[in-house]
N, C-alpha and C. Protein backbone atom coordinates (compact mmCIF):
# COMPACT_ATOMS: atom_id res chain seq x y z
N MET A 1 125.13 98.07 114.55
CA MET A 1 125.47 96.83 113.37
C MET A 1 125.16 95.93 114.98
N LYS A 2 124.54 94.84 114.41
CA LYS A 2 123.81 93.78 115.71
C LYS A 2 124.34 92.84 115.13
N HIS A 3 124.69 91.79 116.53
CA HIS A 3 125.05 90.20 115.96
C HIS A 3 124.08 89.26 116.27
N ILE A 4 123.51 88.29 115.66
CA ILE A 4 122.42 87.59 116.22
C ILE A 4 123.30 85.65 115.59
N GLU A 5 122.85 85.08 116.81
CA GLU A 5 123.09 83.35 116.72
C GLU A 5 122.44 83.21 115.87
N LEU A 6 122.83 81.99 114.97
CA LEU A 6 122.35 81.15 113.65
C LEU A 6 122.86 79.75 114.07
N SER A 7 121.54 78.64 113.90
CA SER A 7 122.51 77.43 113.94
C SER A 7 123.30 77.19 112.78
N ASP A 8 123.93 76.12 112.75
CA ASP A 8 125.08 75.52 110.67
C ASP A 8 124.31 75.90 109.88
N ALA A 9 123.22 75.20 110.26
CA ALA A 9 122.34 74.41 109.07
C ALA A 9 121.29 76.07 108.62
N VAL A 10 121.18 77.02 109.29
CA VAL A 10 120.12 77.74 109.26
C VAL A 10 121.17 79.56 108.37
N TYR A 11 122.85 79.04 109.18
CA TYR A 11 123.35 79.82 109.22
C TYR A 11 124.15 79.40 106.85
N ALA A 12 124.06 77.81 107.11
CA ALA A 12 124.38 77.74 105.25
C ALA A 12 123.72 77.87 104.78
N ALA A 13 122.53 77.61 105.05
CA ALA A 13 121.39 78.32 104.01
C ALA A 13 121.37 79.40 103.48
N LEU A 14 121.31 80.30 104.79
CA LEU A 14 121.31 81.54 104.41
C LEU A 14 122.79 82.13 103.60
N GLN A 15 123.59 81.33 103.31
CA GLN A 15 124.57 82.03 102.67
C GLN A 15 124.40 81.64 101.26
N ARG A 16 124.03 80.25 101.08
CA ARG A 16 123.90 79.96 99.54
C ARG A 16 122.89 80.28 99.01
N LEU A 17 121.55 81.50 99.84
CA LEU A 17 120.82 82.46 99.23
C LEU A 17 121.43 83.15 99.07
N ALA A 18 122.32 83.75 99.89
CA ALA A 18 123.58 85.04 99.06
C ALA A 18 123.79 84.58 98.37
N ALA A 19 124.79 83.71 98.03
CA ALA A 19 125.34 83.20 97.08
C ALA A 19 124.59 83.30 95.56
N ASP A 20 123.66 82.49 95.71
CA ASP A 20 122.97 82.55 94.17
C ASP A 20 122.31 83.48 93.85
N ALA A 21 122.17 84.90 94.86
CA ALA A 21 121.12 86.39 94.79
C ALA A 21 122.56 87.01 94.23
N HIS A 22 123.67 86.64 94.52
CA HIS A 22 125.22 87.67 94.59
C HIS A 22 124.71 89.09 95.19
N ALA A 23 124.19 88.93 97.04
CA ALA A 23 124.00 89.50 97.62
C ALA A 23 124.17 89.36 98.85
N THR A 24 124.96 90.29 99.95
CA THR A 24 125.43 89.98 100.76
C THR A 24 124.29 89.51 101.46
N PRO A 25 124.68 88.21 102.96
CA PRO A 25 122.94 87.75 104.19
C PRO A 25 122.39 89.01 104.20
N ASP A 26 122.88 89.96 105.23
CA ASP A 26 121.92 91.30 105.79
C ASP A 26 121.27 91.78 104.25
N GLU A 27 121.60 91.89 102.88
CA GLU A 27 120.93 91.65 101.99
C GLU A 27 119.01 91.15 101.58
N VAL A 28 119.52 89.27 101.91
CA VAL A 28 118.83 88.60 101.57
C VAL A 28 117.38 88.57 103.14
N LEU A 29 118.19 89.20 104.31
CA LEU A 29 117.77 89.37 105.00
C LEU A 29 116.22 90.46 105.18
N ALA A 30 117.18 91.53 104.70
CA ALA A 30 116.13 92.58 104.67
C ALA A 30 114.76 92.17 103.44
N SER A 31 115.24 91.30 102.20
CA SER A 31 114.74 91.89 101.54
C SER A 31 113.29 90.89 102.44
N LEU A 32 113.72 89.51 102.90
CA LEU A 32 112.82 88.05 103.33
C LEU A 32 111.81 89.27 103.77
N LEU A 33 112.74 90.40 104.97
CA LEU A 33 111.73 90.51 106.29
C LEU A 33 111.10 92.35 105.56
N SER A 34 111.53 92.31 104.31
CA SER A 34 110.44 93.93 103.51
C SER A 34 111.39 95.11 104.46
N VAL A 35 112.69 94.91 104.54
CA VAL A 35 113.22 96.08 105.47
C VAL A 35 114.10 96.69 104.77
N PRO A 36 114.33 98.23 103.46
CA PRO A 36 115.34 98.86 103.10
C PRO A 36 116.67 97.85 103.28
N ALA A 37 116.87 97.20 102.30
CA ALA A 37 118.81 96.79 102.85
C ALA A 37 119.46 98.34 103.63
N ALA A 38 120.25 97.62 103.73
CA ALA A 38 121.60 98.80 103.91
C ALA A 38 121.85 99.45 103.06
N SER A 39 122.09 98.45 101.65
CA SER A 39 123.00 98.90 100.39
C SER A 39 122.28 100.31 99.70
N SER A 40 123.59 100.72 99.73
CA SER A 40 122.90 102.03 99.13
C SER A 40 121.99 102.06 97.50
N GLU A 41 122.65 100.56 96.95
CA GLU A 41 121.63 100.07 95.44
C GLU A 41 120.28 100.14 96.01
N ALA A 42 118.83 101.40 94.67
CA ALA A 42 117.71 99.84 95.52
C ALA A 42 116.96 98.81 94.72
N ALA A 43 116.49 98.50 96.15
CA ALA A 43 116.15 96.80 95.62
C ALA A 43 115.40 96.72 94.60
N GLU A 44 114.84 95.64 93.53
CA GLU A 44 114.13 95.81 91.90
C GLU A 44 112.32 95.64 92.96
N PRO A 45 111.61 97.12 92.67
CA PRO A 45 110.78 96.94 92.84
C PRO A 45 109.82 95.24 92.89
N LEU A 46 110.15 95.03 91.15
CA LEU A 46 109.21 93.69 90.94
C LEU A 46 109.71 92.72 91.41
N ALA A 47 110.73 92.30 92.05
CA ALA A 47 111.27 91.51 92.71
C ALA A 47 110.71 91.71 93.99
N ALA A 48 110.85 92.71 94.33
CA ALA A 48 110.19 93.09 95.79
C ALA A 48 108.68 92.63 96.26
N PHE A 49 108.25 92.93 95.48
CA PHE A 49 106.79 93.10 94.74
C PHE A 49 106.01 91.03 94.84
N VAL A 50 107.38 90.16 94.04
CA VAL A 50 106.88 88.99 94.59
C VAL A 50 107.59 88.06 95.75
N VAL A 51 108.14 88.61 96.50
CA VAL A 51 108.40 88.02 97.76
C VAL A 51 108.10 88.87 98.84
N GLY A 52 107.00 90.30 98.44
CA GLY A 52 105.77 89.77 99.34
C GLY A 52 104.91 89.30 99.91
N ALA A 53 104.04 89.86 100.67
CA ALA A 53 103.11 88.93 101.55
C ALA A 53 101.84 89.13 100.56
N ASP A 54 101.31 89.62 100.10
CA ASP A 54 100.30 90.47 98.69
C ASP A 54 100.25 88.69 97.33
N PHE A 55 101.69 88.85 97.12
CA PHE A 55 102.11 88.06 96.32
C PHE A 55 101.78 86.44 96.96
N GLN A 56 102.69 86.55 97.63
CA GLN A 56 102.83 84.86 98.71
C GLN A 56 101.61 84.66 98.63
N ASN A 57 100.71 85.70 99.03
CA ASN A 57 99.64 84.76 99.77
C ASN A 57 98.49 84.45 98.77
N ALA A 58 98.53 84.64 97.47
CA ALA A 58 97.85 84.32 96.33
C ALA A 58 97.37 83.05 96.45
N SER A 59 96.46 82.07 96.10
CA SER A 59 96.08 81.42 96.44
C SER A 59 96.48 80.48 94.89
N SER A 60 96.18 80.88 93.97
CA SER A 60 97.11 80.13 92.38
C SER A 60 97.27 80.68 91.79
N SER A 61 98.17 79.68 90.59
CA SER A 61 99.10 80.40 89.45
C SER A 61 98.00 81.04 88.96
N ASP A 62 96.80 81.61 88.70
CA ASP A 62 96.07 81.59 88.19
C ASP A 62 95.90 83.48 89.03
N ASP A 63 95.67 83.14 90.08
CA ASP A 63 96.16 84.89 91.04
C ASP A 63 96.87 85.17 91.09
N LYS A 64 98.41 84.71 91.33
CA LYS A 64 99.70 85.43 91.12
C LYS A 64 99.98 86.09 89.36
N TYR A 65 99.48 85.29 88.30
CA TYR A 65 99.44 85.55 87.39
C TYR A 65 99.01 87.11 87.00
N LEU A 66 97.54 87.25 87.13
CA LEU A 66 96.97 88.30 87.23
C LEU A 66 97.58 89.42 88.60
N ALA A 67 98.46 89.36 89.42
CA ALA A 67 98.53 89.73 90.40
C ALA A 67 100.29 90.52 90.00
N LEU A 68 100.50 90.07 89.21
CA LEU A 68 101.86 89.88 88.42
C LEU A 68 100.89 91.13 87.56
N LEU A 69 100.62 90.38 86.55
CA LEU A 69 99.48 91.66 85.23
C LEU A 69 99.93 92.95 85.97
N GLY A 70 98.64 92.82 86.99
CA GLY A 70 98.44 94.03 87.17
C GLY A 70 99.03 94.84 87.85
N TRP A 71 100.11 94.41 88.64
CA TRP A 71 101.10 95.09 89.12
C TRP A 71 102.24 95.83 87.92
N VAL A 72 102.08 95.15 86.91
CA VAL A 72 102.94 95.45 85.76
C VAL A 72 102.57 96.58 85.35
N ALA A 73 100.92 96.11 84.68
CA ALA A 73 99.93 97.48 83.64
C ALA A 73 99.51 98.44 84.31
N ALA A 74 99.24 98.48 86.29
CA ALA A 74 99.38 99.66 86.89
C ALA A 74 100.51 100.74 87.01
N ARG A 75 102.52 100.52 86.64
CA ARG A 75 103.16 101.16 86.65
C ARG A 75 103.89 101.13 85.06
N HIS A 76 103.93 100.54 84.17
CA HIS A 76 103.74 100.50 82.93
C HIS A 76 102.55 100.28 81.99
N ALA A 77 101.27 101.13 82.74
CA ALA A 77 99.95 101.23 81.34
C ALA A 77 100.38 101.56 79.92
N GLU A 78 101.37 102.84 79.35
CA GLU A 78 101.23 102.97 78.34
C GLU A 78 102.40 102.10 77.76
N GLU A 79 103.15 101.32 78.01
CA GLU A 79 103.86 99.74 77.77
C GLU A 79 102.95 98.61 77.64
N PHE A 80 101.92 98.86 78.15
CA PHE A 80 101.01 97.61 78.20
C PHE A 80 99.92 97.16 77.74
N GLY A 81 100.08 98.41 77.25
CA GLY A 81 98.73 98.77 76.18
C GLY A 81 99.30 98.76 74.51
N GLU A 82 100.82 99.32 74.39
CA GLU A 82 101.14 99.38 73.38
C GLU A 82 101.39 97.56 73.48
N PHE A 83 102.60 96.78 73.98
CA PHE A 83 101.72 95.18 74.02
C PHE A 83 100.80 94.70 73.43
N ILE A 84 99.77 94.46 74.10
CA ILE A 84 98.64 94.38 73.43
C ILE A 84 98.21 94.53 71.68
N ARG A 85 98.89 95.89 71.36
CA ARG A 85 97.99 95.86 70.58
C ARG A 85 98.84 95.55 69.56
N GLY A 86 100.00 95.38 69.75
CA GLY A 86 101.51 94.06 68.95
C GLY A 86 101.50 92.66 69.03
N GLN A 87 100.07 92.51 69.88
CA GLN A 87 99.92 91.03 69.55
C GLN A 87 99.44 90.24 68.41
N SER A 88 99.86 89.42 67.67
CA SER A 88 99.69 89.01 66.61
C SER A 88 98.00 88.34 66.85
N ARG A 89 96.90 88.66 65.42
CA ARG A 89 95.80 88.44 66.10
C ARG A 89 95.59 86.62 66.24
N GLY A 90 96.50 85.75 66.03
CA GLY A 90 95.90 84.69 66.47
C GLY A 90 95.85 84.18 67.59
N ARG A 91 97.18 84.67 68.61
CA ARG A 91 97.76 84.30 69.69
C ARG A 91 97.39 85.38 70.87
N ARG A 92 96.64 85.87 70.94
CA ARG A 92 96.09 86.96 71.77
C ARG A 92 95.51 87.01 73.43
N TYR A 93 96.71 86.11 74.36
CA TYR A 93 96.80 86.42 75.59
C TYR A 93 96.27 87.44 76.59
N LEU A 94 96.29 88.57 75.99
CA LEU A 94 95.86 89.56 76.58
C LEU A 94 95.23 91.02 75.73
N SER A 95 94.41 91.31 76.75
CA SER A 95 93.58 92.26 75.96
C SER A 95 93.49 93.73 76.21
N MET A 96 92.01 94.74 75.44
CA MET A 96 91.98 95.68 75.78
C MET A 96 90.38 94.66 76.31
N SER A 97 89.48 94.19 76.08
CA SER A 97 88.45 93.96 75.99
C SER A 97 87.62 92.74 76.41
N ARG A 98 87.28 92.26 77.55
CA ARG A 98 86.58 90.45 77.39
C ARG A 98 86.09 89.48 75.34
N GLU A 99 85.66 90.54 75.01
CA GLU A 99 85.36 90.64 74.08
C GLU A 99 86.34 89.94 72.30
N GLU A 100 87.36 91.13 72.55
CA GLU A 100 88.20 91.23 72.44
C GLU A 100 88.71 89.25 71.78
N ILE A 101 89.17 89.15 73.25
CA ILE A 101 89.31 87.92 73.22
C ILE A 101 88.82 86.52 72.80
N LEU A 102 87.23 86.80 73.17
CA LEU A 102 86.09 85.43 72.74
C LEU A 102 86.00 86.01 71.59
N GLU A 103 86.51 87.07 70.75
CA GLU A 103 86.25 86.71 69.25
C GLU A 103 87.17 85.42 69.04
N ILE A 104 88.75 86.13 69.69
CA ILE A 104 89.55 84.61 68.94
C ILE A 104 89.32 83.53 69.28
N CYS A 105 89.23 82.91 70.21
CA CYS A 105 87.88 81.81 70.99
C CYS A 105 87.58 82.34 71.99
N ARG A 106 86.32 81.54 71.47
CA ARG A 106 85.05 81.25 72.39
C ARG A 106 85.18 80.68 73.69
N GLY A 107 86.20 79.85 73.75
CA GLY A 107 86.92 78.75 74.74
C GLY A 107 87.06 79.52 75.82
N HIS A 108 87.91 80.21 75.65
CA HIS A 108 89.11 81.36 75.87
C HIS A 108 88.27 81.53 77.58
N ARG A 109 89.27 81.71 78.95
CA ARG A 109 88.24 81.77 80.61
C ARG A 109 89.44 83.24 80.49
N ALA A 110 88.38 84.52 80.13
CA ALA A 110 88.64 85.95 80.12
C ALA A 110 88.70 86.55 81.69
N HIS A 111 89.72 87.28 82.33
CA HIS A 111 89.25 87.60 83.87
C HIS A 111 89.77 89.15 83.37
N GLN A 112 88.96 89.99 84.17
CA GLN A 112 89.42 91.30 84.01
C GLN A 112 90.94 91.71 85.01
N ILE A 113 92.42 92.48 84.41
CA ILE A 113 92.89 92.50 85.34
C ILE A 113 92.72 93.26 86.82
N ASP A 114 93.15 93.42 88.13
CA ASP A 114 92.20 93.95 88.90
C ASP A 114 92.61 95.49 88.58
N GLY A 115 91.67 96.32 88.78
CA GLY A 115 92.40 98.64 88.74
C GLY A 115 92.60 98.66 87.49
N THR A 116 92.09 97.99 86.77
CA THR A 116 93.02 97.57 84.80
C THR A 116 91.32 97.93 83.90
N GLN A 117 91.85 98.58 82.40
CA GLN A 117 90.74 97.97 81.61
C GLN A 117 91.39 96.73 80.69
N PHE A 118 92.23 95.97 81.29
CA PHE A 118 92.69 95.42 80.34
C PHE A 118 92.63 93.60 80.37
N TRP A 119 92.11 92.44 80.17
CA TRP A 119 91.72 91.85 79.88
C TRP A 119 93.14 90.21 79.59
N ALA A 120 93.05 89.31 80.46
CA ALA A 120 94.10 88.25 80.54
C ALA A 120 92.93 87.22 80.45
N VAL A 121 94.14 86.00 79.93
CA VAL A 121 93.37 84.71 79.11
C VAL A 121 93.83 83.92 80.59
N LEU A 122 93.36 83.15 81.17
CA LEU A 122 93.65 82.35 82.10
C LEU A 122 93.84 80.93 82.07
N ASN A 123 92.99 80.53 80.69
CA ASN A 123 93.52 79.32 80.80
C ASN A 123 94.53 78.72 79.71
N LEU A 124 95.77 79.21 80.33
CA LEU A 124 97.20 78.59 80.20
C LEU A 124 97.76 77.56 81.09
N ASP A 125 98.52 76.67 80.64
CA ASP A 125 99.49 76.09 81.62
C ASP A 125 100.70 77.20 81.87
N ALA A 126 101.13 76.77 83.38
CA ALA A 126 102.21 77.92 83.73
C ALA A 126 103.31 78.32 83.05
N ALA A 127 103.60 76.87 82.13
CA ALA A 127 104.81 77.39 80.86
C ALA A 127 103.99 78.82 80.41
N THR A 128 103.33 78.76 79.52
CA THR A 128 102.78 78.88 78.51
C THR A 128 102.72 80.43 79.61
N LYS A 129 102.13 80.72 80.47
CA LYS A 129 101.99 82.02 82.11
C LYS A 129 103.83 82.49 81.03
N ARG A 130 104.29 81.60 81.77
CA ARG A 130 106.06 82.24 82.09
C ARG A 130 106.34 82.82 81.00
N ARG A 131 106.20 82.19 79.84
CA ARG A 131 106.86 82.51 78.33
C ARG A 131 106.45 83.88 78.30
N PHE A 132 105.05 84.48 78.25
CA PHE A 132 104.39 84.95 77.58
C PHE A 132 104.62 86.26 78.45
N LEU A 133 104.65 86.10 79.92
CA LEU A 133 104.70 86.97 81.61
C LEU A 133 106.58 87.45 80.55
N GLY A 134 107.31 86.51 80.67
CA GLY A 134 108.12 86.20 79.92
C GLY A 134 108.57 87.87 78.92
N ARG A 135 107.65 87.35 77.46
CA ARG A 135 107.84 88.63 76.73
C ARG A 135 107.54 90.02 77.19
N LEU A 136 106.63 89.91 78.19
CA LEU A 136 105.67 91.15 78.48
C LEU A 136 106.84 91.85 79.19
N LEU A 137 107.68 91.68 79.85
CA LEU A 137 108.42 92.33 80.81
C LEU A 137 109.65 92.82 79.95
N GLU A 138 110.08 91.75 78.96
CA GLU A 138 110.78 91.63 78.22
C GLU A 138 111.13 93.25 77.17
N PHE A 139 109.87 92.82 76.65
CA PHE A 139 109.07 94.06 75.83
C PHE A 139 109.88 95.26 76.67
N ILE A 140 108.62 95.77 77.95
CA ILE A 140 108.68 96.95 78.74
C ILE A 140 110.77 97.27 79.17
N GLY A 141 111.24 96.25 79.01
CA GLY A 141 113.04 96.57 79.22
C GLY A 141 112.87 96.17 80.71
N TYR A 142 113.02 95.69 81.70
CA TYR A 142 113.37 94.48 82.31
C TYR A 142 114.30 93.99 81.67
N ARG A 143 115.28 93.44 83.16
CA ARG A 143 116.80 92.90 83.40
C ARG A 143 116.66 91.09 82.68
N ASP A 144 117.07 91.11 82.40
CA ASP A 144 117.38 89.31 81.51
C ASP A 144 117.22 88.74 83.47
N ALA A 145 117.76 88.85 84.23
CA ALA A 145 117.33 88.60 86.15
C ALA A 145 116.00 88.55 86.69
N VAL A 146 115.96 89.97 86.24
CA VAL A 146 114.13 90.04 86.94
C VAL A 146 113.40 89.62 85.88
N VAL A 147 113.71 89.20 84.86
CA VAL A 147 112.75 88.63 84.43
C VAL A 147 112.91 87.09 84.19
N ASP A 148 113.87 86.48 84.53
CA ASP A 148 113.38 85.15 85.14
C ASP A 148 112.86 84.45 86.11
N PHE A 149 113.38 85.68 87.68
CA PHE A 149 113.04 85.45 88.77
C PHE A 149 111.36 85.31 89.09
N VAL A 150 111.13 86.52 88.28
CA VAL A 150 109.99 86.53 88.43
C VAL A 150 109.22 85.51 87.51
N CYS A 151 109.20 85.31 86.08
CA CYS A 151 108.41 84.62 85.89
C CYS A 151 109.35 82.86 86.43
N GLY A 152 109.92 82.79 86.72
CA GLY A 152 110.07 81.54 88.11
C GLY A 152 109.06 81.56 89.02
N ALA A 153 108.62 82.61 89.29
CA ALA A 153 107.14 82.85 90.61
C ALA A 153 106.27 81.92 89.96
N ILE A 154 105.92 82.30 88.85
CA ILE A 154 104.39 81.83 88.87
C ILE A 154 104.47 80.46 88.48
N GLY A 155 103.29 79.38 89.19
CA GLY A 155 103.56 78.53 88.94
C GLY A 155 103.97 77.61 90.14
N LEU A 156 104.09 77.96 91.24
CA LEU A 156 105.35 77.42 92.34
C LEU A 156 104.53 76.80 92.81
N LYS A 157 104.56 75.99 93.52
CA LYS A 157 103.81 74.79 94.89
C LYS A 157 104.44 75.89 96.05
N ASN A 158 106.32 75.53 95.84
CA ASN A 158 106.77 76.04 97.17
C ASN A 158 107.27 77.52 97.54
N ALA A 159 106.62 78.41 98.60
CA ALA A 159 106.62 79.19 98.51
C ALA A 159 107.83 80.19 98.53
N ALA A 160 108.87 79.36 99.36
CA ALA A 160 110.41 79.09 99.56
C ALA A 160 110.93 78.94 98.22
N ARG A 161 110.96 78.78 96.87
CA ARG A 161 111.50 78.47 96.40
C ARG A 161 111.50 80.06 95.15
N ALA A 162 110.57 80.49 95.36
CA ALA A 162 110.61 81.88 94.96
C ALA A 162 110.78 82.69 95.73
N MET A 163 111.26 82.77 96.59
CA MET A 163 111.86 83.64 97.46
C MET A 163 113.72 83.68 96.90
N ARG A 164 114.02 82.60 96.51
CA ARG A 164 115.06 82.79 96.09
C ARG A 164 115.87 84.12 94.97
N PHE A 165 116.74 84.01 94.69
CA PHE A 165 116.80 85.51 94.37
C PHE A 165 116.06 86.43 94.76
N THR A 166 116.49 87.13 95.68
CA THR A 166 115.41 88.14 96.33
C THR A 166 115.93 89.94 96.77
N ALA A 167 117.59 89.75 96.33
CA ALA A 167 118.38 90.49 96.07
C ALA A 167 118.65 91.24 95.42
N LEU A 168 118.21 91.28 94.38
CA LEU A 168 117.72 92.11 93.05
C LEU A 168 118.46 93.47 93.29
N VAL A 169 119.34 93.53 92.64
CA VAL A 169 119.38 95.45 92.26
C VAL A 169 119.65 96.25 91.52
N ALA A 170 119.69 97.60 91.51
CA ALA A 170 119.25 97.95 90.12
C ALA A 170 120.20 98.23 89.38
């Protein structure tokens, strides 16, 4: 174990992050630095993706939304497809094809989710993206804390706010 010196202000901020995340300061720093935590519990992979550089460097809420959908679809393809098939005909924000989305509304801006066969509607406000993503994650079976954290990262202007609660553990 090594010791470092921190200013009082930095230490207080680290303590707040740790308390909010129900984690130790070591776990918070490990998560922020993408270093495996010393804890024997595994960090939540989806939360780790959200605080990672790829997600944080996404320039818009559309890019972040697509990145999250792509991450989830790659790891839960069967459930993702089942969720799409279970959507009501009138409110389809995900689809198996661009044509399916355009059948519902020609005004929708559809984009294929990278690395998948799936398509997403992008002309949604951030609050709708968060609600819809939350329903998808709940359907797949993610814990409430993970759903809240991940959905909170959509549409955030300040990346530091997205790093709160980064030490989610299984």
